[in-house]
N, C-alpha and C. Protein backbone atom coordinates (compact mmCIF):
# COMPACT_ATOMS: atom_id res chain seq x y z
N MET A 1 70.25 120.22 162.84
CA MET A 1 71.05 119.38 161.95
C MET A 1 70.28 119.17 160.64
N ALA A 2 71.04 118.96 159.57
CA ALA A 2 70.44 118.70 158.26
C ALA A 2 69.91 117.26 158.24
N ARG A 3 69.04 116.97 157.26
CA ARG A 3 68.43 115.65 157.20
C ARG A 3 68.33 115.20 155.75
N ASN A 4 68.50 113.90 155.55
CA ASN A 4 68.28 113.33 154.23
C ASN A 4 67.70 111.92 154.35
N LEU A 5 67.34 111.36 153.22
CA LEU A 5 66.83 110.00 153.13
C LEU A 5 67.86 109.21 152.34
N GLU A 6 68.34 108.10 152.92
CA GLU A 6 69.44 107.34 152.34
C GLU A 6 69.04 105.91 152.01
N PHE A 7 69.75 105.37 151.03
CA PHE A 7 69.58 103.97 150.65
C PHE A 7 70.89 103.52 150.02
N LYS A 8 71.36 102.33 150.39
CA LYS A 8 72.63 101.82 149.86
C LYS A 8 72.48 100.37 149.45
N VAL A 9 73.07 100.02 148.29
CA VAL A 9 73.04 98.64 147.80
C VAL A 9 74.43 98.25 147.30
N ARG A 10 74.72 96.96 147.42
CA ARG A 10 75.89 96.40 146.75
C ARG A 10 75.47 96.21 145.29
N TYR A 11 76.36 96.58 144.36
CA TYR A 11 76.00 96.54 142.95
C TYR A 11 77.05 95.75 142.18
N GLY A 12 76.61 94.84 141.34
CA GLY A 12 77.52 93.95 140.62
C GLY A 12 78.51 94.68 139.73
N SER A 13 78.04 95.58 138.90
CA SER A 13 78.92 96.32 138.00
C SER A 13 78.34 97.71 137.76
N LEU A 14 79.03 98.70 138.28
CA LEU A 14 78.56 100.08 138.14
C LEU A 14 78.49 100.53 136.69
N ASP A 15 79.29 99.90 135.82
CA ASP A 15 79.30 100.26 134.40
C ASP A 15 77.93 100.07 133.75
N THR A 16 77.14 99.15 134.26
CA THR A 16 75.83 98.87 133.66
C THR A 16 74.80 99.94 133.98
N LEU A 17 75.14 100.90 134.84
CA LEU A 17 74.18 101.94 135.21
C LEU A 17 74.11 103.10 134.22
N SER A 18 75.04 103.19 133.30
CA SER A 18 75.07 104.34 132.37
C SER A 18 73.74 104.58 131.65
N PRO A 19 73.11 103.56 131.05
CA PRO A 19 71.84 103.83 130.36
C PRO A 19 70.74 104.29 131.33
N LYS A 20 70.74 103.77 132.53
CA LYS A 20 69.72 104.16 133.51
C LYS A 20 69.93 105.59 133.99
N LEU A 21 71.18 105.99 134.17
CA LEU A 21 71.48 107.37 134.55
C LEU A 21 71.08 108.33 133.44
N ALA A 22 71.27 107.89 132.19
CA ALA A 22 70.85 108.71 131.04
C ALA A 22 69.33 108.83 131.00
N GLU A 23 68.64 107.73 131.24
CA GLU A 23 67.17 107.76 131.27
C GLU A 23 66.67 108.69 132.37
N LEU A 24 67.33 108.67 133.49
CA LEU A 24 66.97 109.53 134.62
C LEU A 24 67.30 111.00 134.33
N LYS A 25 68.18 111.23 133.37
CA LYS A 25 68.71 112.57 133.07
C LYS A 25 69.50 113.12 134.26
N ALA A 26 70.22 112.23 134.92
CA ALA A 26 71.09 112.63 136.02
C ALA A 26 72.32 113.32 135.46
N THR A 27 72.89 114.22 136.23
CA THR A 27 74.06 114.99 135.81
C THR A 27 75.29 114.51 136.59
N HIS A 28 76.36 114.20 135.85
CA HIS A 28 77.61 113.81 136.51
C HIS A 28 78.30 115.07 137.01
N ARG A 29 78.64 115.09 138.31
CA ARG A 29 79.27 116.25 138.91
C ARG A 29 80.78 116.10 139.02
N GLU A 30 81.22 114.94 139.51
CA GLU A 30 82.67 114.76 139.69
C GLU A 30 82.96 113.32 140.07
N THR A 31 84.23 112.96 139.90
CA THR A 31 84.73 111.69 140.41
C THR A 31 85.91 112.03 141.31
N VAL A 32 85.86 111.54 142.54
CA VAL A 32 86.88 111.89 143.53
C VAL A 32 87.36 110.64 144.24
N HIS A 33 88.54 110.77 144.82
CA HIS A 33 89.07 109.74 145.71
C HIS A 33 88.88 110.27 147.13
N GLN A 34 88.29 109.45 147.98
CA GLN A 34 88.02 109.86 149.35
C GLN A 34 88.65 108.87 150.32
N VAL A 35 89.17 109.41 151.39
CA VAL A 35 89.65 108.59 152.51
C VAL A 35 88.85 109.04 153.73
N ASP A 36 88.04 108.12 154.26
CA ASP A 36 87.22 108.41 155.43
C ASP A 36 87.85 107.74 156.64
N THR A 37 88.27 108.53 157.62
CA THR A 37 88.79 108.01 158.87
C THR A 37 87.66 108.09 159.89
N TYR A 38 87.19 106.92 160.33
CA TYR A 38 86.12 106.85 161.33
C TYR A 38 86.74 106.80 162.71
N PHE A 39 86.16 107.56 163.62
CA PHE A 39 86.67 107.63 164.99
C PHE A 39 85.72 106.92 165.94
N GLN A 40 86.29 106.38 167.02
CA GLN A 40 85.45 105.81 168.08
C GLN A 40 84.59 106.95 168.59
N ASN A 41 83.33 106.68 168.79
CA ASN A 41 82.41 107.73 169.20
C ASN A 41 81.25 107.09 169.94
N PRO A 42 80.88 107.60 171.10
CA PRO A 42 79.83 106.94 171.88
C PRO A 42 78.43 107.08 171.27
N LYS A 43 78.24 108.04 170.37
CA LYS A 43 76.92 108.30 169.79
C LYS A 43 77.07 108.60 168.31
N GLY A 44 76.29 107.97 167.48
CA GLY A 44 76.34 108.23 166.05
C GLY A 44 77.67 107.81 165.43
N ARG A 45 77.97 108.39 164.28
CA ARG A 45 79.22 108.09 163.57
C ARG A 45 79.95 109.41 163.31
N LEU A 46 81.26 109.38 163.47
CA LEU A 46 82.09 110.56 163.27
C LEU A 46 83.24 110.19 162.36
N LYS A 47 83.39 110.93 161.24
CA LYS A 47 84.48 110.63 160.31
C LYS A 47 85.07 111.91 159.76
N LEU A 48 86.33 111.80 159.40
CA LEU A 48 87.02 112.87 158.69
C LEU A 48 87.18 112.39 157.26
N ARG A 49 86.62 113.15 156.31
CA ARG A 49 86.69 112.78 154.90
C ARG A 49 87.72 113.66 154.22
N GLU A 50 88.80 113.02 153.74
CA GLU A 50 89.83 113.72 152.97
C GLU A 50 89.57 113.43 151.50
N ILE A 51 89.69 114.47 150.67
CA ILE A 51 89.31 114.38 149.27
C ILE A 51 90.50 114.63 148.36
N ASN A 52 90.75 113.69 147.46
CA ASN A 52 91.78 113.83 146.42
C ASN A 52 93.15 114.23 146.95
N GLU A 53 93.54 113.72 148.10
CA GLU A 53 94.86 114.00 148.66
C GLU A 53 95.17 115.50 148.68
N SER A 54 94.15 116.31 148.97
CA SER A 54 94.33 117.76 149.02
C SER A 54 94.16 118.24 150.46
N ASP A 55 94.16 119.55 150.63
CA ASP A 55 93.89 120.11 151.95
C ASP A 55 92.40 120.27 152.20
N GLU A 56 91.58 119.83 151.25
CA GLU A 56 90.13 119.91 151.44
C GLU A 56 89.66 118.68 152.20
N ALA A 57 88.97 118.91 153.30
CA ALA A 57 88.44 117.80 154.10
C ALA A 57 87.20 118.26 154.84
N TRP A 58 86.41 117.30 155.24
CA TRP A 58 85.18 117.56 155.97
C TRP A 58 85.11 116.66 157.19
N LEU A 59 84.75 117.24 158.32
CA LEU A 59 84.42 116.46 159.50
C LEU A 59 82.91 116.25 159.43
N ILE A 60 82.50 114.99 159.49
CA ILE A 60 81.09 114.65 159.31
C ILE A 60 80.62 113.84 160.51
N TYR A 61 79.56 114.34 161.14
CA TYR A 61 78.91 113.59 162.21
C TYR A 61 77.52 113.22 161.70
N TYR A 62 77.12 111.95 161.88
CA TYR A 62 75.76 111.59 161.46
C TYR A 62 75.19 110.49 162.33
N GLU A 63 73.88 110.52 162.40
CA GLU A 63 73.11 109.49 163.09
C GLU A 63 72.15 108.90 162.08
N ARG A 64 72.19 107.57 161.95
CA ARG A 64 71.34 106.88 161.00
C ARG A 64 71.13 105.46 161.50
N PRO A 65 69.90 104.99 161.50
CA PRO A 65 69.68 103.61 161.93
C PRO A 65 70.23 102.63 160.90
N ASN A 66 70.60 101.45 161.35
CA ASN A 66 71.00 100.38 160.44
C ASN A 66 69.74 99.69 159.98
N ASP A 67 69.38 99.91 158.72
CA ASP A 67 68.14 99.39 158.18
C ASP A 67 68.37 99.06 156.71
N LEU A 68 67.76 97.98 156.24
CA LEU A 68 67.92 97.58 154.84
C LEU A 68 67.07 98.44 153.90
N LYS A 69 66.08 99.15 154.43
CA LYS A 69 65.23 100.00 153.62
C LYS A 69 65.80 101.42 153.61
N SER A 70 65.17 102.29 152.85
CA SER A 70 65.54 103.71 152.90
C SER A 70 65.33 104.19 154.33
N ARG A 71 66.28 105.02 154.79
CA ARG A 71 66.20 105.48 156.18
C ARG A 71 66.66 106.93 156.27
N TYR A 72 66.14 107.59 157.31
CA TYR A 72 66.50 108.98 157.54
C TYR A 72 67.86 109.07 158.22
N SER A 73 68.59 110.10 157.86
CA SER A 73 69.88 110.39 158.47
C SER A 73 69.89 111.87 158.83
N ILE A 74 70.39 112.17 160.03
CA ILE A 74 70.63 113.56 160.38
C ILE A 74 72.14 113.74 160.47
N TYR A 75 72.61 114.90 160.04
CA TYR A 75 74.06 115.07 159.95
C TYR A 75 74.47 116.52 160.13
N GLN A 76 75.74 116.68 160.45
CA GLN A 76 76.38 118.00 160.50
C GLN A 76 77.72 117.89 159.80
N LEU A 77 78.08 118.95 159.08
CA LEU A 77 79.33 119.01 158.33
C LEU A 77 80.15 120.20 158.81
N CYS A 78 81.47 120.02 158.81
CA CYS A 78 82.37 121.13 159.12
C CYS A 78 83.59 121.00 158.21
N LYS A 79 83.77 121.99 157.33
CA LYS A 79 84.91 121.97 156.43
C LYS A 79 86.17 122.36 157.20
N THR A 80 87.29 121.72 156.86
CA THR A 80 88.56 122.06 157.48
C THR A 80 89.64 122.15 156.41
N THR A 81 90.59 123.04 156.63
CA THR A 81 91.75 123.14 155.74
C THR A 81 93.00 122.59 156.43
N GLU A 82 92.80 121.98 157.60
CA GLU A 82 93.90 121.38 158.34
C GLU A 82 93.57 119.93 158.72
N PRO A 83 93.36 119.08 157.71
CA PRO A 83 92.94 117.71 158.02
C PRO A 83 93.99 116.90 158.79
N THR A 84 95.26 117.12 158.53
CA THR A 84 96.30 116.35 159.22
C THR A 84 96.28 116.63 160.71
N ALA A 85 96.21 117.90 161.08
CA ALA A 85 96.17 118.27 162.50
C ALA A 85 94.88 117.79 163.15
N LEU A 86 93.76 117.94 162.46
CA LEU A 86 92.48 117.51 163.03
C LEU A 86 92.45 115.99 163.20
N LYS A 87 92.99 115.26 162.23
CA LYS A 87 93.02 113.79 162.35
C LYS A 87 93.89 113.37 163.53
N ALA A 88 95.01 114.02 163.72
CA ALA A 88 95.89 113.70 164.85
C ALA A 88 95.18 113.98 166.18
N LEU A 89 94.49 115.11 166.26
CA LEU A 89 93.77 115.46 167.48
C LEU A 89 92.67 114.45 167.79
N LEU A 90 91.83 114.15 166.79
CA LEU A 90 90.72 113.21 167.01
C LEU A 90 91.22 111.79 167.26
N SER A 91 92.31 111.42 166.62
CA SER A 91 92.89 110.08 166.86
C SER A 91 93.35 109.95 168.31
N ALA A 92 94.01 111.00 168.81
CA ALA A 92 94.49 110.98 170.19
C ALA A 92 93.33 111.02 171.19
N ALA A 93 92.31 111.81 170.90
CA ALA A 93 91.20 111.99 171.84
C ALA A 93 90.21 110.83 171.82
N LEU A 94 89.91 110.30 170.63
CA LEU A 94 88.84 109.30 170.50
C LEU A 94 89.32 107.91 170.07
N GLY A 95 90.40 107.86 169.32
CA GLY A 95 90.87 106.61 168.74
C GLY A 95 90.23 106.37 167.38
N VAL A 96 90.99 105.73 166.49
CA VAL A 96 90.51 105.44 165.14
C VAL A 96 89.78 104.10 165.15
N LYS A 97 88.59 104.09 164.58
CA LYS A 97 87.81 102.86 164.45
C LYS A 97 88.25 102.09 163.20
N THR A 98 88.31 102.78 162.07
CA THR A 98 88.73 102.18 160.81
C THR A 98 88.94 103.28 159.77
N ILE A 99 89.54 102.90 158.66
CA ILE A 99 89.75 103.82 157.53
C ILE A 99 89.14 103.17 156.30
N VAL A 100 88.35 103.94 155.55
CA VAL A 100 87.68 103.46 154.34
C VAL A 100 88.16 104.31 153.17
N LYS A 101 88.68 103.63 152.12
CA LYS A 101 89.14 104.33 150.92
C LYS A 101 88.22 103.98 149.77
N LYS A 102 87.86 105.02 149.00
CA LYS A 102 86.95 104.76 147.89
C LYS A 102 87.13 105.77 146.76
N GLN A 103 86.70 105.33 145.59
CA GLN A 103 86.54 106.23 144.46
C GLN A 103 85.05 106.46 144.33
N ARG A 104 84.64 107.71 144.30
CA ARG A 104 83.22 108.04 144.24
C ARG A 104 82.93 108.87 143.01
N SER A 105 81.98 108.39 142.22
CA SER A 105 81.47 109.15 141.09
C SER A 105 80.13 109.73 141.54
N LEU A 106 80.04 111.05 141.56
CA LEU A 106 78.84 111.73 142.06
C LEU A 106 77.97 112.17 140.90
N TRP A 107 76.71 111.73 140.95
CA TRP A 107 75.69 112.13 139.99
C TRP A 107 74.58 112.82 140.76
N MET A 108 73.86 113.72 140.10
CA MET A 108 72.76 114.44 140.74
C MET A 108 71.48 114.30 139.93
N TYR A 109 70.40 114.07 140.64
CA TYR A 109 69.06 114.17 140.07
C TYR A 109 68.25 115.02 141.05
N LYS A 110 67.94 116.24 140.67
CA LYS A 110 67.25 117.20 141.53
C LYS A 110 67.97 117.29 142.88
N ASN A 111 67.32 116.86 143.98
CA ASN A 111 67.94 116.92 145.31
C ASN A 111 68.51 115.59 145.76
N THR A 112 68.68 114.67 144.81
CA THR A 112 69.20 113.35 145.15
C THR A 112 70.63 113.19 144.63
N ARG A 113 71.52 112.93 145.58
CA ARG A 113 72.91 112.63 145.26
C ARG A 113 73.00 111.12 144.99
N ILE A 114 73.54 110.76 143.85
CA ILE A 114 73.70 109.35 143.48
C ILE A 114 75.20 109.08 143.51
N HIS A 115 75.63 108.26 144.46
CA HIS A 115 77.05 107.92 144.61
C HIS A 115 77.30 106.55 144.01
N LEU A 116 78.20 106.49 143.06
CA LEU A 116 78.68 105.21 142.53
C LEU A 116 80.05 105.01 143.14
N ASP A 117 80.13 104.10 144.09
CA ASP A 117 81.32 103.93 144.92
C ASP A 117 82.04 102.63 144.62
N VAL A 118 83.35 102.73 144.43
CA VAL A 118 84.23 101.55 144.38
C VAL A 118 85.06 101.65 145.65
N VAL A 119 84.78 100.75 146.61
CA VAL A 119 85.36 100.83 147.94
C VAL A 119 86.43 99.75 148.08
N SER A 120 87.62 100.17 148.46
CA SER A 120 88.74 99.23 148.63
C SER A 120 88.36 98.12 149.59
N ASP A 121 88.64 96.89 149.20
CA ASP A 121 88.41 95.69 149.99
C ASP A 121 86.93 95.39 150.27
N LEU A 122 86.01 96.14 149.66
CA LEU A 122 84.59 95.89 149.91
C LEU A 122 83.78 95.65 148.65
N GLY A 123 84.10 96.34 147.54
CA GLY A 123 83.35 96.14 146.30
C GLY A 123 82.74 97.40 145.76
N GLU A 124 81.67 97.21 144.95
CA GLU A 124 81.01 98.31 144.27
C GLU A 124 79.62 98.52 144.87
N PHE A 125 79.25 99.80 145.04
CA PHE A 125 78.01 100.14 145.71
C PHE A 125 77.36 101.34 145.04
N VAL A 126 76.04 101.44 145.22
CA VAL A 126 75.30 102.63 144.85
C VAL A 126 74.65 103.13 146.13
N GLU A 127 74.82 104.43 146.38
CA GLU A 127 74.22 105.04 147.56
C GLU A 127 73.43 106.26 147.13
N LEU A 128 72.20 106.35 147.59
CA LEU A 128 71.37 107.53 147.32
C LEU A 128 71.25 108.36 148.58
N GLU A 129 71.30 109.66 148.42
CA GLU A 129 71.04 110.60 149.51
C GLU A 129 70.13 111.68 148.97
N THR A 130 68.87 111.64 149.36
CA THR A 130 67.93 112.67 148.96
C THR A 130 67.88 113.69 150.08
N VAL A 131 68.36 114.88 149.79
CA VAL A 131 68.47 115.94 150.79
C VAL A 131 67.14 116.68 150.89
N PHE A 132 66.71 116.90 152.13
CA PHE A 132 65.48 117.65 152.37
C PHE A 132 65.82 119.13 152.27
N GLN A 133 65.52 119.69 151.10
CA GLN A 133 65.94 121.06 150.81
C GLN A 133 64.99 121.65 149.78
N GLY A 134 64.14 122.57 150.21
CA GLY A 134 63.28 123.28 149.27
C GLY A 134 62.09 122.48 148.76
N GLN A 135 61.80 121.33 149.40
CA GLN A 135 60.62 120.57 148.99
C GLN A 135 59.99 119.96 150.25
N THR A 136 58.77 119.51 150.10
CA THR A 136 58.11 118.88 151.24
C THR A 136 58.69 117.49 151.47
N GLU A 137 58.42 116.93 152.63
CA GLU A 137 58.88 115.57 152.91
C GLU A 137 58.29 114.58 151.91
N THR A 138 57.02 114.76 151.59
CA THR A 138 56.37 113.87 150.62
C THR A 138 57.06 113.97 149.26
N GLU A 139 57.37 115.17 148.81
CA GLU A 139 58.05 115.34 147.52
C GLU A 139 59.44 114.70 147.55
N ALA A 140 60.15 114.84 148.66
CA ALA A 140 61.49 114.24 148.78
C ALA A 140 61.39 112.72 148.72
N ILE A 141 60.43 112.16 149.42
CA ILE A 141 60.25 110.69 149.42
C ILE A 141 59.89 110.20 148.02
N GLU A 142 59.00 110.91 147.33
CA GLU A 142 58.62 110.53 145.96
C GLU A 142 59.82 110.59 145.02
N GLU A 143 60.64 111.64 145.15
CA GLU A 143 61.84 111.74 144.32
C GLU A 143 62.79 110.58 144.60
N HIS A 144 63.00 110.28 145.87
CA HIS A 144 63.88 109.19 146.28
C HIS A 144 63.40 107.86 145.69
N GLN A 145 62.11 107.59 145.81
CA GLN A 145 61.55 106.33 145.30
C GLN A 145 61.63 106.27 143.77
N TYR A 146 61.46 107.40 143.11
CA TYR A 146 61.56 107.46 141.65
C TYR A 146 62.98 107.09 141.20
N VAL A 147 63.98 107.65 141.85
CA VAL A 147 65.38 107.34 141.50
C VAL A 147 65.65 105.85 141.74
N LYS A 148 65.21 105.32 142.86
CA LYS A 148 65.38 103.89 143.14
C LYS A 148 64.75 103.04 142.03
N MET A 149 63.56 103.43 141.58
CA MET A 149 62.84 102.67 140.55
C MET A 149 63.59 102.73 139.21
N ILE A 150 63.96 103.93 138.76
CA ILE A 150 64.62 104.06 137.46
C ILE A 150 65.96 103.32 137.44
N LEU A 151 66.70 103.39 138.55
CA LEU A 151 68.00 102.70 138.62
C LEU A 151 67.85 101.23 138.97
N ASP A 152 66.62 100.78 139.23
CA ASP A 152 66.31 99.39 139.56
C ASP A 152 67.11 98.91 140.78
N LEU A 153 67.18 99.77 141.79
CA LEU A 153 67.98 99.44 142.98
C LEU A 153 67.28 98.46 143.91
N ASN A 154 65.96 98.31 143.78
CA ASN A 154 65.26 97.36 144.64
C ASN A 154 65.61 95.92 144.32
N SER A 155 66.24 95.68 143.15
CA SER A 155 66.64 94.31 142.80
C SER A 155 68.07 94.00 143.24
N ALA A 156 68.77 94.99 143.80
CA ALA A 156 70.15 94.79 144.26
C ALA A 156 70.14 94.46 145.76
N GLU A 157 71.31 94.02 146.25
CA GLU A 157 71.45 93.64 147.66
C GLU A 157 71.55 94.89 148.54
N PRO A 158 70.54 95.13 149.40
CA PRO A 158 70.59 96.31 150.26
C PRO A 158 71.64 96.16 151.36
N ILE A 159 72.21 97.28 151.76
CA ILE A 159 73.22 97.32 152.82
C ILE A 159 72.67 98.20 153.94
N ALA A 160 72.67 97.67 155.15
CA ALA A 160 72.08 98.38 156.28
C ALA A 160 73.07 99.27 157.02
N VAL A 161 74.35 98.99 156.89
CA VAL A 161 75.35 99.64 157.74
C VAL A 161 76.26 100.56 156.93
N SER A 162 77.11 101.25 157.66
CA SER A 162 78.14 102.10 157.07
C SER A 162 79.23 101.22 156.44
N TYR A 163 79.96 101.78 155.47
CA TYR A 163 81.11 101.05 154.93
C TYR A 163 82.08 100.67 156.04
N SER A 164 82.14 101.48 157.08
CA SER A 164 83.07 101.22 158.18
C SER A 164 82.72 99.95 158.95
N GLU A 165 81.52 99.45 158.79
CA GLU A 165 81.06 98.29 159.55
C GLU A 165 80.96 97.03 158.71
N LEU A 166 81.25 97.13 157.41
CA LEU A 166 81.20 95.95 156.55
C LEU A 166 82.48 95.14 156.68
N PRO A 167 82.37 93.81 156.67
CA PRO A 167 83.59 92.99 156.72
C PRO A 167 84.33 93.09 155.39
N LYS A 168 85.63 93.16 155.47
CA LYS A 168 86.47 93.24 154.26
C LYS A 168 86.42 91.91 153.53
N GLN A 169 86.46 91.98 152.20
CA GLN A 169 86.38 90.77 151.38
C GLN A 169 87.75 90.21 151.12
């Protein structure tokens, strides 16, 4: 399974991050609407991510501890072009835990994905995912910590759990 280092914070206003993203020299990749359907699952988390109301979707399984600090996540991805059928199958077999809708603005700094998320009924968040790819673990950790520092994320409210586990506001 693939592995990354993750960190998530509740953020007061994502608009204030523009100068910090410029200082970081992060690159904006895209802004998408995502609907994540989480399924009951005895181990880890399992969700179907539908993107921009299209036929593009990903089945994502991941294991990650609930921790307020940066934490490791292991995951597997499977692209599908039949999200409606797959959602019906998984709903019947496992049951739906919850559905999370969000607008995600994706920025990149080297191997770190910077997600600026506006999540329905939950608020605004910043999530970092530093993917272990082509660098040592030490280099990945240093990159992750550098992004946290430049974006001043240590002064924001850390979130330990998945969006699927946060109480709606």
